[in-house]
Amino acid sequence: MEKETAEARSFQPAEGKYGTSCVANVNNIPVGITRREKEVLQMICAQYTNAEIAGMLHLSIRTIDGHRNSLLEKTGCRNTAGLVLFAVSKGLYDPRKHQWRD
């Protein structure tokens, strides 16, 4: 478990569309990531599907797909697991506060 935690802390995403500036924080949001994208990212980390996120935010599934794709591009991550690692390593999501769903 400690090894996994150390790996998560040392995680460095590949350079995204906005270069290394996308990982600098301003008001706890990496530069280049919108507030809505941060909200979607936190819901992805909480294991909500695109359809569930769309329903809760009163947006279309295609809009959520767009936010997810934008996050992948901006962070340089390749998949959802990468987004979760990015969020945890940047302090955007605290897994210790995660509420497990039935």
PDB file of N, CA and C in Angstrom:
ATOM      1  N   MET A   1       0.827  -1.195   0.000  1.00  0.00           N
ATOM      2  CA  MET A   1       0.000   0.000   0.000  1.00  0.00           C
ATOM      3  C   MET A   1       0.868   1.254   0.000  1.00  0.00           C
ATOM      4  N   GLU A   2       1.949   1.266   0.801  1.00  0.00           N
ATOM      5  CA  GLU A   2       2.824   2.422   0.829  1.00  0.00           C
ATOM      6  C   GLU A   2       3.484   2.653  -0.513  1.00  0.00           C
ATOM      7  N   LYS A   3       3.855   1.566  -1.198  1.00  0.00           N
ATOM      8  CA  LYS A   3       4.480   1.689  -2.504  1.00  0.00           C
ATOM      9  C   LYS A   3       3.519   2.351  -3.482  1.00  0.00           C
ATOM     10  N   GLU A   4       2.241   1.948  -3.459  1.00  0.00           N
ATOM     11  CA  GLU A   4       1.248   2.543  -4.342  1.00  0.00           C
ATOM     12  C   GLU A   4       1.079   4.020  -4.046  1.00  0.00           C
ATOM     13  N   THR A   5       1.068   4.392  -2.767  1.00  0.00           N
ATOM     14  CA  THR A   5       0.930   5.786  -2.378  1.00  0.00           C
ATOM     15  C   THR A   5       2.124   6.589  -2.856  1.00  0.00           C
ATOM     16  N   ALA A   6       3.323   6.038  -2.703  1.00  0.00           N
ATOM     17  CA  ALA A   6       4.529   6.724  -3.161  1.00  0.00           C
ATOM     18  C   ALA A   6       4.495   6.914  -4.673  1.00  0.00           C
ATOM     19  N   GLU A   7       4.020   5.905  -5.404  1.00  0.00           N
ATOM     20  CA  GLU A   7       3.915   6.021  -6.849  1.00  0.00           C
ATOM     21  C   GLU A   7       2.912   7.102  -7.237  1.00  0.00           C
ATOM     22  N   ALA A   8       1.801   7.175  -6.522  1.00  0.00           N
ATOM     23  CA  ALA A   8       0.804   8.201  -6.823  1.00  0.00           C
ATOM     24  C   ALA A   8       1.367   9.590  -6.572  1.00  0.00           C
ATOM     25  N   ARG A   9       2.156   9.744  -5.501  1.00  0.00           N
ATOM     26  CA  ARG A   9       2.759  11.043  -5.202  1.00  0.00           C
ATOM     27  C   ARG A   9       3.778  11.444  -6.247  1.00  0.00           C
ATOM     28  N   SER A  10       4.494  10.487  -6.805  1.00  0.00           N
ATOM     29  CA  SER A  10       5.538  10.805  -7.768  1.00  0.00           C
ATOM     30  C   SER A  10       5.004  10.879  -9.195  1.00  0.00           C
ATOM     31  N   PHE A  11       3.711  10.664  -9.379  1.00  0.00           N
ATOM     32  CA  PHE A  11       3.105  10.674 -10.709  1.00  0.00           C
ATOM     33  C   PHE A  11       3.283  12.028 -11.375  1.00  0.00           C
ATOM     34  N   GLN A  12       3.759  12.023 -12.589  1.00  0.00           N
ATOM     35  CA  GLN A  12       3.888  13.233 -13.388  1.00  0.00           C
ATOM     36  C   GLN A  12       3.218  12.984 -14.727  1.00  0.00           C
ATOM     37  N   PRO A  13       2.102  13.660 -15.026  1.00  0.00           N
ATOM     38  CA  PRO A  13       1.445  13.428 -16.299  1.00  0.00           C
ATOM     39  C   PRO A  13       2.316  13.916 -17.444  1.00  0.00           C
ATOM     40  N   ALA A  14       2.086  13.349 -18.613  1.00  0.00           N
ATOM     41  CA  ALA A  14       2.800  13.812 -19.799  1.00  0.00           C
ATOM     42  C   ALA A  14       2.408  15.260 -20.063  1.00  0.00           C
ATOM     43  N   GLU A  15       3.230  15.953 -20.793  1.00  0.00           N
ATOM     44  CA  GLU A  15       2.951  17.347 -21.086  1.00  0.00           C
ATOM     45  C   GLU A  15       1.690  17.457 -21.926  1.00  0.00           C
ATOM     46  N   GLY A  16       0.722  18.218 -21.454  1.00  0.00           N
ATOM     47  CA  GLY A  16      -0.550  18.358 -22.147  1.00  0.00           C
ATOM     48  C   GLY A  16      -0.547  19.510 -23.140  1.00  0.00           C
ATOM     49  N   LYS A  17      -1.713  19.829 -23.635  1.00  0.00           N
ATOM     50  CA  LYS A  17      -1.889  20.871 -24.637  1.00  0.00           C
ATOM     51  C   LYS A  17      -1.304  22.197 -24.187  1.00  0.00           C
ATOM     52  N   TYR A  18      -1.431  22.498 -22.911  1.00  0.00           N
ATOM     53  CA  TYR A  18      -0.983  23.772 -22.389  1.00  0.00           C
ATOM     54  C   TYR A  18       0.399  23.691 -21.762  1.00  0.00           C
ATOM     55  N   GLY A  19       1.152  22.662 -22.122  1.00  0.00           N
ATOM     56  CA  GLY A  19       2.506  22.499 -21.614  1.00  0.00           C
ATOM     57  C   GLY A  19       2.519  22.284 -20.114  1.00  0.00           C
ATOM     58  N   THR A  20       3.608  22.607 -19.491  1.00  0.00           N
ATOM     59  CA  THR A  20       3.729  22.377 -18.051  1.00  0.00           C
ATOM     60  C   THR A  20       2.898  23.353 -17.247  1.00  0.00           C
ATOM     61  N   SER A  21       2.453  24.465 -17.859  1.00  0.00           N
ATOM     62  CA  SER A  21       1.665  25.438 -17.107  1.00  0.00           C
ATOM     63  C   SER A  21       0.330  24.871 -16.656  1.00  0.00           C
ATOM     64  N   CYS A  22      -0.147  23.787 -17.303  1.00  0.00           N
ATOM     65  CA  CYS A  22      -1.459  23.242 -16.939  1.00  0.00           C
ATOM     66  C   CYS A  22      -1.431  22.573 -15.567  1.00  0.00           C
ATOM     67  N   VAL A  23      -0.247  22.363 -14.999  1.00  0.00           N
ATOM     68  CA  VAL A  23      -0.192  21.729 -13.695  1.00  0.00           C
ATOM     69  C   VAL A  23       0.123  22.725 -12.584  1.00  0.00           C
ATOM     70  N   ALA A  24       0.307  24.010 -12.917  1.00  0.00           N
ATOM     71  CA  ALA A  24       0.497  25.030 -11.891  1.00  0.00           C
ATOM     72  C   ALA A  24      -0.866  25.372 -11.309  1.00  0.00           C
ATOM     73  N   ASN A  25      -0.920  25.592 -10.007  1.00  0.00           N
ATOM     74  CA  ASN A  25      -2.200  25.843  -9.353  1.00  0.00           C
ATOM     75  C   ASN A  25      -2.478  27.331  -9.187  1.00  0.00           C
ATOM     76  N   VAL A  26      -3.713  27.722  -9.459  1.00  0.00           N
ATOM     77  CA  VAL A  26      -4.227  29.045  -9.152  1.00  0.00           C
ATOM     78  C   VAL A  26      -5.564  28.796  -8.490  1.00  0.00           C
ATOM     79  N   ASN A  27      -5.694  29.210  -7.237  1.00  0.00           N
ATOM     80  CA  ASN A  27      -6.912  28.937  -6.462  1.00  0.00           C
ATOM     81  C   ASN A  27      -7.226  27.445  -6.445  1.00  0.00           C
ATOM     82  N   ASN A  28      -6.210  26.618  -6.314  1.00  0.00           N
ATOM     83  CA  ASN A  28      -6.323  25.164  -6.220  1.00  0.00           C
ATOM     84  C   ASN A  28      -6.892  24.511  -7.478  1.00  0.00           C
ATOM     85  N   ILE A  29      -6.853  25.222  -8.611  1.00  0.00           N
ATOM     86  CA  ILE A  29      -7.266  24.642  -9.888  1.00  0.00           C
ATOM     87  C   ILE A  29      -6.080  24.764 -10.832  1.00  0.00           C
ATOM     88  N   PRO A  30      -5.604  23.657 -11.400  1.00  0.00           N
ATOM     89  CA  PRO A  30      -4.495  23.768 -12.350  1.00  0.00           C
ATOM     90  C   PRO A  30      -4.853  24.717 -13.488  1.00  0.00           C
ATOM     91  N   VAL A  31      -3.903  25.565 -13.861  1.00  0.00           N
ATOM     92  CA  VAL A  31      -4.117  26.529 -14.926  1.00  0.00           C
ATOM     93  C   VAL A  31      -4.546  25.794 -16.196  1.00  0.00           C
ATOM     94  N   GLY A  32      -5.570  26.297 -16.834  1.00  0.00           N
ATOM     95  CA  GLY A  32      -6.070  25.679 -18.054  1.00  0.00           C
ATOM     96  C   GLY A  32      -7.259  24.765 -17.818  1.00  0.00           C
ATOM     97  N   ILE A  33      -7.512  24.386 -16.572  1.00  0.00           N
ATOM     98  CA  ILE A  33      -8.664  23.546 -16.248  1.00  0.00           C
ATOM     99  C   ILE A  33      -9.759  24.438 -15.685  1.00  0.00           C
ATOM    100  N   THR A  34     -10.928  24.396 -16.300  1.00  0.00           N
ATOM    101  CA  THR A  34     -12.034  25.249 -15.862  1.00  0.00           C
ATOM    102  C   THR A  34     -12.657  24.708 -14.574  1.00  0.00           C
ATOM    103  N   ARG A  35     -13.441  25.543 -13.941  1.00  0.00           N
ATOM    104  CA  ARG A  35     -14.150  25.101 -12.726  1.00  0.00           C
ATOM    105  C   ARG A  35     -15.081  23.935 -13.030  1.00  0.00           C
ATOM    106  N   ARG A  36     -15.740  23.970 -14.171  1.00  0.00           N
ATOM    107  CA  ARG A  36     -16.651  22.885 -14.542  1.00  0.00           C
ATOM    108  C   ARG A  36     -15.864  21.596 -14.769  1.00  0.00           C
ATOM    109  N   GLU A  37     -14.710  21.695 -15.438  1.00  0.00           N
ATOM    110  CA  GLU A  37     -13.875  20.516 -15.655  1.00  0.00           C
ATOM    111  C   GLU A  37     -13.400  19.942 -14.324  1.00  0.00           C
ATOM    112  N   LYS A  38     -13.078  20.829 -13.381  1.00  0.00           N
ATOM    113  CA  LYS A  38     -12.675  20.357 -12.052  1.00  0.00           C
ATOM    114  C   LYS A  38     -13.836  19.613 -11.390  1.00  0.00           C
ATOM    115  N   GLU A  39     -15.035  20.143 -11.516  1.00  0.00           N
ATOM    116  CA  GLU A  39     -16.221  19.501 -10.941  1.00  0.00           C
ATOM    117  C   GLU A  39     -16.448  18.122 -11.566  1.00  0.00           C
ATOM    118  N   VAL A  40     -16.327  18.038 -12.893  1.00  0.00           N
ATOM    119  CA  VAL A  40     -16.490  16.764 -13.604  1.00  0.00           C
ATOM    120  C   VAL A  40     -15.389  15.792 -13.172  1.00  0.00           C
ATOM    121  N   LEU A  41     -14.161  16.279 -13.061  1.00  0.00           N
ATOM    122  CA  LEU A  41     -13.041  15.428 -12.640  1.00  0.00           C
ATOM    123  C   LEU A  41     -13.289  14.834 -11.258  1.00  0.00           C
ATOM    124  N   GLN A  42     -13.787  15.639 -10.339  1.00  0.00           N
ATOM    125  CA  GLN A  42     -14.071  15.134  -8.994  1.00  0.00           C
ATOM    126  C   GLN A  42     -15.172  14.078  -9.028  1.00  0.00           C
ATOM    127  N   MET A  43     -16.139  14.236  -9.902  1.00  0.00           N
ATOM    128  CA  MET A  43     -17.208  13.248 -10.009  1.00  0.00           C
ATOM    129  C   MET A  43     -16.703  11.967 -10.680  1.00  0.00           C
ATOM    130  N   ILE A  44     -15.779  12.100 -11.630  1.00  0.00           N
ATOM    131  CA  ILE A  44     -15.143  10.923 -12.228  1.00  0.00           C
ATOM    132  C   ILE A  44     -14.414  10.148 -11.138  1.00  0.00           C
ATOM    133  N   CYS A  45     -13.693  10.866 -10.291  1.00  0.00           N
ATOM    134  CA  CYS A  45     -12.958  10.220  -9.198  1.00  0.00           C
ATOM    135  C   CYS A  45     -13.896   9.524  -8.221  1.00  0.00           C
ATOM    136  N   ALA A  46     -15.111  10.046  -8.089  1.00  0.00           N
ATOM    137  CA  ALA A  46     -16.101   9.453  -7.191  1.00  0.00           C
ATOM    138  C   ALA A  46     -16.860   8.308  -7.865  1.00  0.00           C
ATOM    139  N   GLN A  47     -16.405   7.879  -9.023  1.00  0.00           N
ATOM    140  CA  GLN A  47     -16.913   6.724  -9.758  1.00  0.00           C
ATOM    141  C   GLN A  47     -18.291   6.912 -10.386  1.00  0.00           C
ATOM    142  N   TYR A  48     -18.642   8.149 -10.697  1.00  0.00           N
ATOM    143  CA  TYR A  48     -19.897   8.376 -11.403  1.00  0.00           C
ATOM    144  C   TYR A  48     -19.670   8.174 -12.898  1.00  0.00           C
ATOM    145  N   THR A  49     -20.661   7.623 -13.579  1.00  0.00           N
ATOM    146  CA  THR A  49     -20.584   7.447 -15.024  1.00  0.00           C
ATOM    147  C   THR A  49     -20.870   8.787 -15.704  1.00  0.00           C
ATOM    148  N   ASN A  50     -20.559   8.860 -16.998  1.00  0.00           N
ATOM    149  CA  ASN A  50     -20.860  10.080 -17.746  1.00  0.00           C
ATOM    150  C   ASN A  50     -22.352  10.398 -17.699  1.00  0.00           C
ATOM    151  N   ALA A  51     -23.193   9.372 -17.808  1.00  0.00           N
ATOM    152  CA  ALA A  51     -24.642   9.588 -17.768  1.00  0.00           C
ATOM    153  C   ALA A  51     -25.078  10.124 -16.404  1.00  0.00           C
ATOM    154  N   GLU A  52     -24.522   9.589 -15.336  1.00  0.00           N
ATOM    155  CA  GLU A  52     -24.870  10.064 -13.991  1.00  0.00           C
ATOM    156  C   GLU A  52     -24.406  11.504 -13.784  1.00  0.00           C
ATOM    157  N   ILE A  53     -23.196  11.812 -14.242  1.00  0.00           N
ATOM    158  CA  ILE A  53     -22.673  13.177 -14.108  1.00  0.00           C
ATOM    159  C   ILE A  53     -23.555  14.141 -14.896  1.00  0.00           C
ATOM    160  N   ALA A  54     -23.901  13.757 -16.115  1.00  0.00           N
ATOM    161  CA  ALA A  54     -24.759  14.600 -16.953  1.00  0.00           C
ATOM    162  C   ALA A  54     -26.095  14.875 -16.253  1.00  0.00           C
ATOM    163  N   GLY A  55     -26.689  13.859 -15.678  1.00  0.00           N
ATOM    164  CA  GLY A  55     -27.959  14.028 -14.978  1.00  0.00           C
ATOM    165  C   GLY A  55     -27.847  14.954 -13.782  1.00  0.00           C
ATOM    166  N   MET A  56     -26.799  14.796 -12.992  1.00  0.00           N
ATOM    167  CA  MET A  56     -26.625  15.619 -11.793  1.00  0.00           C
ATOM    168  C   MET A  56     -26.322  17.080 -12.135  1.00  0.00           C
ATOM    169  N   LEU A  57     -25.619  17.316 -13.236  1.00  0.00           N
ATOM    170  CA  LEU A  57     -25.244  18.682 -13.617  1.00  0.00           C
ATOM    171  C   LEU A  57     -26.203  19.289 -14.639  1.00  0.00           C
ATOM    172  N   HIS A  58     -27.239  18.525 -15.013  1.00  0.00           N
ATOM    173  CA  HIS A  58     -28.240  18.985 -15.986  1.00  0.00           C
ATOM    174  C   HIS A  58     -27.581  19.370 -17.310  1.00  0.00           C
ATOM    175  N   LEU A  59     -26.673  18.503 -17.762  1.00  0.00           N
ATOM    176  CA  LEU A  59     -25.978  18.676 -19.033  1.00  0.00           C
ATOM    177  C   LEU A  59     -26.175  17.417 -19.864  1.00  0.00           C
ATOM    178  N   SER A  60     -25.823  17.479 -21.142  1.00  0.00           N
ATOM    179  CA  SER A  60     -25.930  16.292 -21.982  1.00  0.00           C
ATOM    180  C   SER A  60     -24.712  15.387 -21.760  1.00  0.00           C
ATOM    181  N   ILE A  61     -24.894  14.123 -22.093  1.00  0.00           N
ATOM    182  CA  ILE A  61     -23.786  13.165 -21.986  1.00  0.00           C
ATOM    183  C   ILE A  61     -22.649  13.593 -22.914  1.00  0.00           C
ATOM    184  N   ARG A  62     -22.979  14.122 -24.084  1.00  0.00           N
ATOM    185  CA  ARG A  62     -21.940  14.591 -25.019  1.00  0.00           C
ATOM    186  C   ARG A  62     -21.125  15.731 -24.422  1.00  0.00           C
ATOM    187  N   THR A  63     -21.757  16.595 -23.645  1.00  0.00           N
ATOM    188  CA  THR A  63     -21.025  17.689 -22.994  1.00  0.00           C
ATOM    189  C   THR A  63     -20.042  17.117 -21.983  1.00  0.00           C
ATOM    190  N   ILE A  64     -20.477  16.120 -21.231  1.00  0.00           N
ATOM    191  CA  ILE A  64     -19.589  15.488 -20.248  1.00  0.00           C
ATOM    192  C   ILE A  64     -18.450  14.780 -20.973  1.00  0.00           C
ATOM    193  N   ASP A  65     -18.750  14.100 -22.082  1.00  0.00           N
ATOM    194  CA  ASP A  65     -17.698  13.484 -22.894  1.00  0.00           C
ATOM    195  C   ASP A  65     -16.673  14.540 -23.328  1.00  0.00           C
ATOM    196  N   GLY A  66     -17.176  15.700 -23.712  1.00  0.00           N
ATOM    197  CA  GLY A  66     -16.294  16.791 -24.123  1.00  0.00           C
ATOM    198  C   GLY A  66     -15.400  17.261 -22.991  1.00  0.00           C
ATOM    199  N   HIS A  67     -15.984  17.387 -21.794  1.00  0.00           N
ATOM    200  CA  HIS A  67     -15.183  17.791 -20.625  1.00  0.00           C
ATOM    201  C   HIS A  67     -14.116  16.739 -20.316  1.00  0.00           C
ATOM    202  N   ARG A  68     -14.497  15.467 -20.375  1.00  0.00           N
ATOM    203  CA  ARG A  68     -13.546  14.384 -20.108  1.00  0.00           C
ATOM    204  C   ARG A  68     -12.404  14.413 -21.133  1.00  0.00           C
ATOM    205  N   ASN A  69     -12.745  14.557 -22.405  1.00  0.00           N
ATOM    206  CA  ASN A  69     -11.717  14.606 -23.449  1.00  0.00           C
ATOM    207  C   ASN A  69     -10.817  15.824 -23.293  1.00  0.00           C
ATOM    208  N   SER A  70     -11.400  16.949 -22.914  1.00  0.00           N
ATOM    209  CA  SER A  70     -10.619  18.154 -22.677  1.00  0.00           C
ATOM    210  C   SER A  70      -9.646  17.950 -21.513  1.00  0.00           C
ATOM    211  N   LEU A  71     -10.121  17.291 -20.456  1.00  0.00           N
ATOM    212  CA  LEU A  71      -9.248  16.993 -19.304  1.00  0.00           C
ATOM    213  C   LEU A  71      -8.104  16.078 -19.710  1.00  0.00           C
ATOM    214  N   LEU A  72      -8.408  15.069 -20.517  1.00  0.00           N
ATOM    215  CA  LEU A  72      -7.360  14.157 -20.981  1.00  0.00           C
ATOM    216  C   LEU A  72      -6.305  14.923 -21.775  1.00  0.00           C
ATOM    217  N   GLU A  73      -6.756  15.803 -22.639  1.00  0.00           N
ATOM    218  CA  GLU A  73      -5.830  16.566 -23.475  1.00  0.00           C
ATOM    219  C   GLU A  73      -5.004  17.550 -22.641  1.00  0.00           C
ATOM    220  N   LYS A  74      -5.656  18.271 -21.750  1.00  0.00           N
ATOM    221  CA  LYS A  74      -4.967  19.290 -20.960  1.00  0.00           C
ATOM    222  C   LYS A  74      -3.961  18.696 -19.984  1.00  0.00           C
ATOM    223  N   THR A  75      -4.285  17.539 -19.431  1.00  0.00           N
ATOM    224  CA  THR A  75      -3.402  16.936 -18.430  1.00  0.00           C
ATOM    225  C   THR A  75      -2.358  16.018 -19.035  1.00  0.00           C
ATOM    226  N   GLY A  76      -2.591  15.577 -20.263  1.00  0.00           N
ATOM    227  CA  GLY A  76      -1.675  14.620 -20.878  1.00  0.00           C
ATOM    228  C   GLY A  76      -1.934  13.195 -20.436  1.00  0.00           C
ATOM    229  N   CYS A  77      -3.029  12.976 -19.721  1.00  0.00           N
ATOM    230  CA  CYS A  77      -3.379  11.626 -19.270  1.00  0.00           C
ATOM    231  C   CYS A  77      -3.938  10.829 -20.444  1.00  0.00           C
ATOM    232  N   ARG A  78      -3.827   9.497 -20.353  1.00  0.00           N
ATOM    233  CA  ARG A  78      -4.281   8.638 -21.447  1.00  0.00           C
ATOM    234  C   ARG A  78      -5.621   7.980 -21.185  1.00  0.00           C
ATOM    235  N   ASN A  79      -6.072   7.954 -19.931  1.00  0.00           N
ATOM    236  CA  ASN A  79      -7.317   7.258 -19.608  1.00  0.00           C
ATOM    237  C   ASN A  79      -7.863   7.761 -18.272  1.00  0.00           C
ATOM    238  N   THR A  80      -8.970   7.181 -17.858  1.00  0.00           N
ATOM    239  CA  THR A  80      -9.625   7.602 -16.620  1.00  0.00           C
ATOM    240  C   THR A  80      -8.735   7.382 -15.400  1.00  0.00           C
ATOM    241  N   ALA A  81      -8.013   6.273 -15.385  1.00  0.00           N
ATOM    242  CA  ALA A  81      -7.106   6.010 -14.256  1.00  0.00           C
ATOM    243  C   ALA A  81      -6.075   7.129 -14.142  1.00  0.00           C
ATOM    244  N   GLY A  82      -5.579   7.591 -15.276  1.00  0.00           N
ATOM    245  CA  GLY A  82      -4.624   8.695 -15.275  1.00  0.00           C
ATOM    246  C   GLY A  82      -5.233   9.970 -14.730  1.00  0.00           C
ATOM    247  N   LEU A  83      -6.500  10.232 -15.090  1.00  0.00           N
ATOM    248  CA  LEU A  83      -7.181  11.412 -14.557  1.00  0.00           C
ATOM    249  C   LEU A  83      -7.322  11.337 -13.045  1.00  0.00           C
ATOM    250  N   VAL A  84      -7.638  10.159 -12.537  1.00  0.00           N
ATOM    251  CA  VAL A  84      -7.780   9.986 -11.087  1.00  0.00           C
ATOM    252  C   VAL A  84      -6.434  10.221 -10.400  1.00  0.00           C
ATOM    253  N   LEU A  85      -5.374   9.646 -10.946  1.00  0.00           N
ATOM    254  CA  LEU A  85      -4.040   9.873 -10.378  1.00  0.00           C
ATOM    255  C   LEU A  85      -3.665  11.349 -10.418  1.00  0.00           C
ATOM    256  N   PHE A  86      -3.984  12.013 -11.514  1.00  0.00           N
ATOM    257  CA  PHE A  86      -3.710  13.441 -11.642  1.00  0.00           C
ATOM    258  C   PHE A  86      -4.452  14.215 -10.556  1.00  0.00           C
ATOM    259  N   ALA A  87      -5.748  13.938 -10.400  1.00  0.00           N
ATOM    260  CA  ALA A  87      -6.562  14.659  -9.420  1.00  0.00           C
ATOM    261  C   ALA A  87      -6.037  14.466  -8.004  1.00  0.00           C
ATOM    262  N   VAL A  88      -5.675  13.248  -7.661  1.00  0.00           N
ATOM    263  CA  VAL A  88      -5.161  12.967  -6.320  1.00  0.00           C
ATOM    264  C   VAL A  88      -3.808  13.654  -6.119  1.00  0.00           C
ATOM    265  N   SER A  89      -2.922  13.554  -7.119  1.00  0.00           N
ATOM    266  CA  SER A  89      -1.577  14.121  -6.968  1.00  0.00           C
ATOM    267  C   SER A  89      -1.589  15.644  -6.910  1.00  0.00           C
ATOM    268  N   LYS A  90      -2.603  16.275  -7.483  1.00  0.00           N
ATOM    269  CA  LYS A  90      -2.706  17.735  -7.473  1.00  0.00           C
ATOM    270  C   LYS A  90      -3.612  18.257  -6.359  1.00  0.00           C
ATOM    271  N   GLY A  91      -4.110  17.357  -5.526  1.00  0.00           N
ATOM    272  CA  GLY A  91      -4.949  17.781  -4.406  1.00  0.00           C
ATOM    273  C   GLY A  91      -6.360  18.171  -4.812  1.00  0.00           C
ATOM    274  N   LEU A  92      -6.799  17.750  -5.988  1.00  0.00           N
ATOM    275  CA  LEU A  92      -8.154  18.067  -6.434  1.00  0.00           C
ATOM    276  C   LEU A  92      -9.181  17.061  -5.939  1.00  0.00           C
ATOM    277  N   TYR A  93      -8.700  15.932  -5.443  1.00  0.00           N
ATOM    278  CA  TYR A  93      -9.596  14.895  -4.919  1.00  0.00           C
ATOM    279  C   TYR A  93      -8.889  14.193  -3.776  1.00  0.00           C
ATOM    280  N   ASP A  94      -9.589  14.051  -2.660  1.00  0.00           N
ATOM    281  CA  ASP A  94      -9.037  13.371  -1.492  1.00  0.00           C
ATOM    282  C   ASP A  94      -9.729  12.011  -1.340  1.00  0.00           C
ATOM    283  N   PRO A  95      -9.022  10.923  -1.693  1.00  0.00           N
ATOM    284  CA  PRO A  95      -9.665   9.603  -1.620  1.00  0.00           C
ATOM    285  C   PRO A  95     -10.043   9.198  -0.199  1.00  0.00           C
ATOM    286  N   ARG A  96      -9.448   9.833   0.799  1.00  0.00           N
ATOM    287  CA  ARG A  96      -9.799   9.496   2.193  1.00  0.00           C
ATOM    288  C   ARG A  96     -11.211   9.949   2.532  1.00  0.00           C
ATOM    289  N   LYS A  97     -11.750  10.896   1.767  1.00  0.00           N
ATOM    290  CA  LYS A  97     -13.092  11.399   2.008  1.00  0.00           C
ATOM    291  C   LYS A  97     -14.122  10.763   1.068  1.00  0.00           C
ATOM    292  N   HIS A  98     -13.679   9.765   0.321  1.00  0.00           N
ATOM    293  CA  HIS A  98     -14.547   9.107  -0.657  1.00  0.00           C
ATOM    294  C   HIS A  98     -15.691   8.372   0.026  1.00  0.00           C
ATOM    295  N   GLN A  99     -16.886   8.581  -0.481  1.00  0.00           N
ATOM    296  CA  GLN A  99     -18.072   7.886   0.022  1.00  0.00           C
ATOM    297  C   GLN A  99     -18.359   6.725  -0.919  1.00  0.00           C
ATOM    298  N   TRP A 100     -18.199   5.500  -0.463  1.00  0.00           N
ATOM    299  CA  TRP A 100     -18.457   4.342  -1.302  1.00  0.00           C
ATOM    300  C   TRP A 100     -19.929   4.219  -1.574  1.00  0.00           C
ATOM    301  N   ARG A 101     -20.250   3.955  -2.832  1.00  0.00           N
ATOM    302  CA  ARG A 101     -21.643   3.825  -3.249  1.00  0.00           C
ATOM    303  C   ARG A 101     -22.029   2.351  -3.247  1.00  0.00           C
ATOM    304  N   ASP A 102     -23.311   2.096  -2.997  1.00  0.00           N
ATOM    305  CA  ASP A 102     -23.835   0.721  -3.015  1.00  0.00           C
ATOM    306  C   ASP A 102     -23.992   0.241  -4.434  1.00  0.00           C
TER     307      ASP A 102
END
